[in-house]
Amino acid sequence: MFVGMKNLERIKEKILEYSSTGKKLFATSSFQTHSIPLLHIIAQVDNSIPVYFLNTGYLFPETILFKDELADKLGLQFIALNSIVSKTQQRDEKGNLFFTSDPDYCCFLNKTQPMEPVLKTMDIWINGIRADQSATRAQMKEEEETPQGALRYHPMLHWSSKDIYEYRTEHNLPAHPLEARGYLSVGCEPCTRKLLSGDDERSARWFGMNKVECGLHTDLIKK
């Protein structure tokens, strides 16, 4: 039995426990291959839990199509969060889009800022970060507070990539269509490249930018 399976029932019980207290739950997803087991678990427990995604305007077309496929397959409601700042205003003084000159600010405008109102109106944020993905995530606990007062719940924190693969295999869950082309960590198109031999899962994101997080898991966690 793989490690993740050992706490699978506890995850389901925890989500039901949150729900039974009248708390307003929501999840987020980027629709990457490693995101699918959590979506599958949520669909089994309560498919009325809304799943938000950051519609940055830079997502791969394949990601959008995959989202629609998953909505049909899992019966979940996916809700787009969009930046309040238009792309024409997301430029520096030289006219360059921020993803080229200030990727941290680009992520703030298109990911962090759109999430803030949700965290002010909802109680429990279920998201699928894993400790083995980065040094930052390795320091997190299964439950953390956000600055807005919501609780973050990280049910997959101690799952490994092997656990994810075995769960997907057992339940015949699909992979993101770009995985077969070498993209194992898929974010926004301008800031994602194929994984090279020897790379870890996250190194293909923001390649060459000295950046490994978008802010969702650094700024939206109570220090």
Protein backbone atom coordinates (compact mmCIF):
# COMPACT_ATOMS: atom_id res chain seq x y z
CA MET A 1 0.00 0.00 0.00
CA PHE A 2 1.48 3.34 -0.99
CA VAL A 3 1.93 6.13 1.57
CA GLY A 4 -0.86 8.30 0.25
CA MET A 5 -3.39 5.49 0.46
CA LYS A 6 -2.71 5.17 4.18
CA ASN A 7 -4.24 8.59 4.87
CA LEU A 8 -6.82 8.54 2.08
CA GLU A 9 -9.76 7.83 4.37
CA ARG A 10 -8.53 10.46 6.82
CA ILE A 11 -8.55 13.03 4.02
CA LYS A 12 -12.13 12.17 3.14
CA GLU A 13 -13.16 12.28 6.80
CA LYS A 14 -11.44 15.64 7.28
CA ILE A 15 -13.25 17.21 4.33
CA LEU A 16 -16.57 15.85 5.61
CA GLU A 17 -15.73 17.15 9.10
CA TYR A 18 -15.10 20.64 7.78
CA SER A 19 -18.32 20.52 5.77
CA SER A 20 -20.43 19.23 8.68
CA THR A 21 -19.58 22.28 10.78
CA GLY A 22 -21.15 24.58 8.22
CA LYS A 23 -17.81 25.88 6.98
CA LYS A 24 -17.63 27.19 3.42
CA LEU A 25 -15.12 25.01 1.57
CA PHE A 26 -13.44 25.55 -1.77
CA ALA A 27 -10.51 24.04 -3.61
CA THR A 28 -8.08 25.33 -6.20
CA SER A 29 -6.43 23.55 -9.08
CA SER A 30 -3.98 24.21 -11.89
CA PHE A 31 -5.12 21.02 -13.69
CA GLN A 32 -1.65 19.56 -13.85
CA THR A 33 -1.30 15.80 -13.85
CA HIS A 34 -0.36 15.74 -10.17
CA SER A 35 -3.50 17.78 -9.37
CA ILE A 36 -5.92 15.12 -10.57
CA PRO A 37 -5.96 12.76 -7.55
CA LEU A 38 -7.12 15.56 -5.22
CA LEU A 39 -9.87 16.53 -7.65
CA HIS A 40 -10.93 12.89 -7.84
CA ILE A 41 -11.05 12.64 -4.03
CA ILE A 42 -13.12 15.83 -3.73
CA ALA A 43 -15.53 14.58 -6.40
CA GLN A 44 -16.02 11.38 -4.39
CA VAL A 45 -16.63 13.20 -1.11
CA ASP A 46 -18.71 16.18 -2.27
CA ASN A 47 -18.77 17.34 -5.87
CA SER A 48 -20.61 20.52 -4.87
CA ILE A 49 -17.38 21.94 -3.43
CA PRO A 50 -16.39 24.69 -5.91
CA VAL A 51 -12.94 24.47 -7.51
CA TYR A 52 -11.38 27.81 -8.47
CA PHE A 53 -8.65 28.22 -11.05
CA LEU A 54 -6.52 31.23 -11.90
CA ASN A 55 -7.42 32.23 -15.44
CA THR A 56 -4.27 34.28 -15.94
CA GLY A 57 -4.78 34.77 -19.65
CA TYR A 58 -1.50 32.96 -20.25
CA LEU A 59 -2.60 29.34 -19.76
CA PHE A 60 -1.79 26.79 -22.43
CA PRO A 61 -4.80 26.03 -24.68
CA GLU A 62 -4.26 22.38 -23.75
CA THR A 63 -4.83 23.25 -20.08
CA ILE A 64 -8.18 24.89 -20.84
CA LEU A 65 -9.32 21.88 -22.89
CA PHE A 66 -8.12 19.51 -20.16
CA LYS A 67 -10.10 21.50 -17.58
CA ASP A 68 -13.26 20.97 -19.60
CA GLU A 69 -12.50 17.25 -19.93
CA LEU A 70 -12.07 16.95 -16.16
CA ALA A 71 -15.29 18.86 -15.47
CA ASP A 72 -17.19 16.29 -17.54
CA LYS A 73 -15.33 13.30 -16.11
CA LEU A 74 -15.47 14.27 -12.43
CA GLY A 75 -18.68 16.30 -12.31
CA LEU A 76 -16.99 19.23 -10.58
CA GLN A 77 -17.73 22.93 -10.89
CA PHE A 78 -14.68 24.90 -12.02
CA ILE A 79 -14.80 28.67 -11.50
CA ALA A 80 -12.38 31.08 -13.16
CA LEU A 81 -10.67 33.85 -11.21
CA ASN A 82 -9.46 36.72 -13.38
CA SER A 83 -7.19 39.66 -12.71
CA ILE A 84 -8.91 43.01 -12.12
CA VAL A 85 -6.08 44.62 -14.12
CA SER A 86 -6.33 44.32 -17.90
CA LYS A 87 -3.37 42.99 -19.87
CA THR A 88 -2.93 46.39 -21.53
CA GLN A 89 -2.14 47.78 -18.08
CA GLN A 90 0.19 44.96 -17.13
CA ARG A 91 3.24 46.62 -18.66
CA ASP A 92 6.32 48.34 -17.26
CA GLU A 93 7.53 51.84 -18.15
CA LYS A 94 9.19 50.44 -21.29
CA GLY A 95 6.00 48.78 -22.47
CA ASN A 96 7.13 45.23 -21.68
CA LEU A 97 4.58 42.87 -20.20
CA PHE A 98 5.38 42.18 -16.57
CA PHE A 99 5.99 38.47 -17.10
CA THR A 100 9.19 39.46 -18.93
CA SER A 101 10.41 42.22 -16.61
CA ASP A 102 8.78 41.62 -13.23
CA PRO A 103 7.39 38.06 -13.00
CA ASP A 104 6.67 38.43 -9.27
CA TYR A 105 4.36 41.35 -9.93
CA CYS A 106 2.78 39.51 -12.86
CA CYS A 107 1.99 36.61 -10.53
CA PHE A 108 0.60 39.02 -7.94
CA LEU A 109 -1.78 40.62 -10.45
CA ASN A 110 -2.90 37.37 -12.05
CA LYS A 111 -2.81 34.89 -9.18
CA THR A 112 -2.40 36.28 -5.66
CA GLN A 113 -4.64 39.34 -5.90
CA PRO A 114 -7.58 37.49 -7.53
CA MET A 115 -7.48 34.92 -4.70
CA GLU A 116 -7.68 37.44 -1.87
CA PRO A 117 -11.45 38.18 -2.12
CA VAL A 118 -12.21 34.45 -2.10
CA LEU A 119 -10.23 33.99 1.11
CA LYS A 120 -12.23 36.79 2.74
CA THR A 121 -15.57 35.09 2.06
CA MET A 122 -14.69 31.38 2.37
CA ASP A 123 -13.52 29.38 5.39
CA ILE A 124 -11.47 26.39 4.18
CA TRP A 125 -9.08 26.36 1.23
CA ILE A 126 -8.23 22.84 0.05
CA ASN A 127 -5.15 22.76 -2.16
CA GLY A 128 -2.81 20.06 -3.33
CA ILE A 129 0.69 21.30 -2.56
CA ARG A 130 3.26 18.62 -1.68
CA ALA A 131 6.29 18.87 0.58
CA ASP A 132 8.53 17.24 -2.03
CA GLN A 133 7.90 19.99 -4.59
CA SER A 134 10.07 22.74 -3.08
CA ALA A 135 11.96 23.79 0.03
CA THR A 136 9.23 26.34 0.79
CA ARG A 137 6.48 23.73 0.69
CA ALA A 138 8.54 21.30 2.76
CA GLN A 139 8.25 23.75 5.68
CA MET A 140 4.45 23.80 5.61
CA LYS A 141 2.00 21.98 7.85
CA GLU A 142 -1.22 20.25 6.81
CA GLU A 143 -3.21 23.15 8.22
CA GLU A 144 -2.12 26.78 7.98
CA GLU A 145 -3.89 30.11 8.37
CA THR A 146 -4.15 32.78 5.68
CA PRO A 147 -3.81 36.51 6.39
CA GLN A 148 -7.49 36.85 5.46
CA GLY A 149 -8.63 34.47 8.22
CA ALA A 150 -9.35 31.37 6.15
CA LEU A 151 -7.76 28.00 6.91
CA ARG A 152 -5.54 26.30 4.36
CA TYR A 153 -5.82 22.51 4.26
CA HIS A 154 -3.05 20.59 2.48
CA PRO A 155 -4.26 16.97 2.30
CA MET A 156 -1.61 15.86 -0.20
CA LEU A 157 1.32 17.43 1.68
CA HIS A 158 3.05 14.12 2.44
CA TRP A 159 2.21 12.34 -0.80
CA SER A 160 5.10 11.71 -3.17
CA SER A 161 5.13 11.80 -6.95
CA LYS A 162 5.07 7.98 -6.76
CA ASP A 163 1.89 8.11 -4.66
CA ILE A 164 0.31 10.43 -7.22
CA TYR A 165 1.24 8.10 -10.08
CA GLU A 166 -0.06 5.00 -8.30
CA TYR A 167 -3.34 6.66 -7.37
CA ARG A 168 -3.83 7.85 -10.95
CA THR A 169 -3.06 4.38 -12.25
CA GLU A 170 -5.42 2.67 -9.81
CA HIS A 171 -8.30 4.98 -10.75
CA ASN A 172 -7.43 5.30 -14.45
CA LEU A 173 -7.14 9.08 -14.24
CA PRO A 174 -5.87 11.05 -17.25
CA ALA A 175 -2.62 12.99 -17.54
CA HIS A 176 -2.31 16.57 -18.71
CA PRO A 177 -1.93 16.38 -22.51
CA LEU A 178 1.39 18.25 -22.43
CA GLU A 179 3.03 15.67 -20.17
CA ALA A 180 3.69 13.36 -23.12
CA ARG A 181 5.62 16.24 -24.72
CA GLY A 182 7.92 16.66 -21.71
CA TYR A 183 6.03 19.22 -19.61
CA LEU A 184 5.77 17.76 -16.10
CA SER A 185 5.01 21.02 -14.30
CA VAL A 186 2.64 23.18 -16.31
CA GLY A 187 1.89 26.80 -15.50
CA CYS A 188 1.55 29.85 -17.71
CA GLU A 189 2.79 29.34 -21.26
CA PRO A 190 5.42 32.15 -21.33
CA CYS A 191 7.02 30.93 -18.09
CA THR A 192 6.98 27.13 -18.60
CA ARG A 193 9.41 24.96 -20.53
CA LYS A 194 9.92 21.27 -21.05
CA LEU A 195 11.71 19.34 -18.33
CA LEU A 196 15.32 18.55 -19.17
CA SER A 197 17.22 15.47 -18.03
CA GLY A 198 18.22 15.85 -14.38
CA ASP A 199 15.71 18.61 -13.64
CA ASP A 200 13.39 18.38 -10.67
CA GLU A 201 9.64 18.82 -11.09
CA ARG A 202 9.53 22.57 -10.48
CA SER A 203 12.71 23.67 -12.26
CA ALA A 204 10.94 24.07 -15.60
CA ARG A 205 8.84 26.89 -14.16
CA TRP A 206 10.19 30.48 -14.43
CA PHE A 207 13.40 29.02 -15.83
CA GLY A 208 16.35 31.40 -15.40
CA MET A 209 14.30 33.86 -13.31
CA ASN A 210 15.49 32.89 -9.80
CA LYS A 211 11.86 32.18 -8.92
CA VAL A 212 10.14 28.99 -7.74
CA GLU A 213 6.81 30.21 -6.29
CA CYS A 214 4.06 32.46 -7.64
CA GLY A 215 3.00 33.89 -4.27
CA LEU A 216 -0.09 31.77 -3.61
CA HIS A 217 1.89 29.65 -1.15
CA THR A 218 4.14 32.39 0.25
CA ASP A 219 2.04 35.57 0.45
CA LEU A 220 -1.28 33.86 1.21
CA ILE A 221 -0.06 32.10 4.32
CA LYS A 222 0.04 33.70 7.76
CA LYS A 223 3.61 34.31 8.86
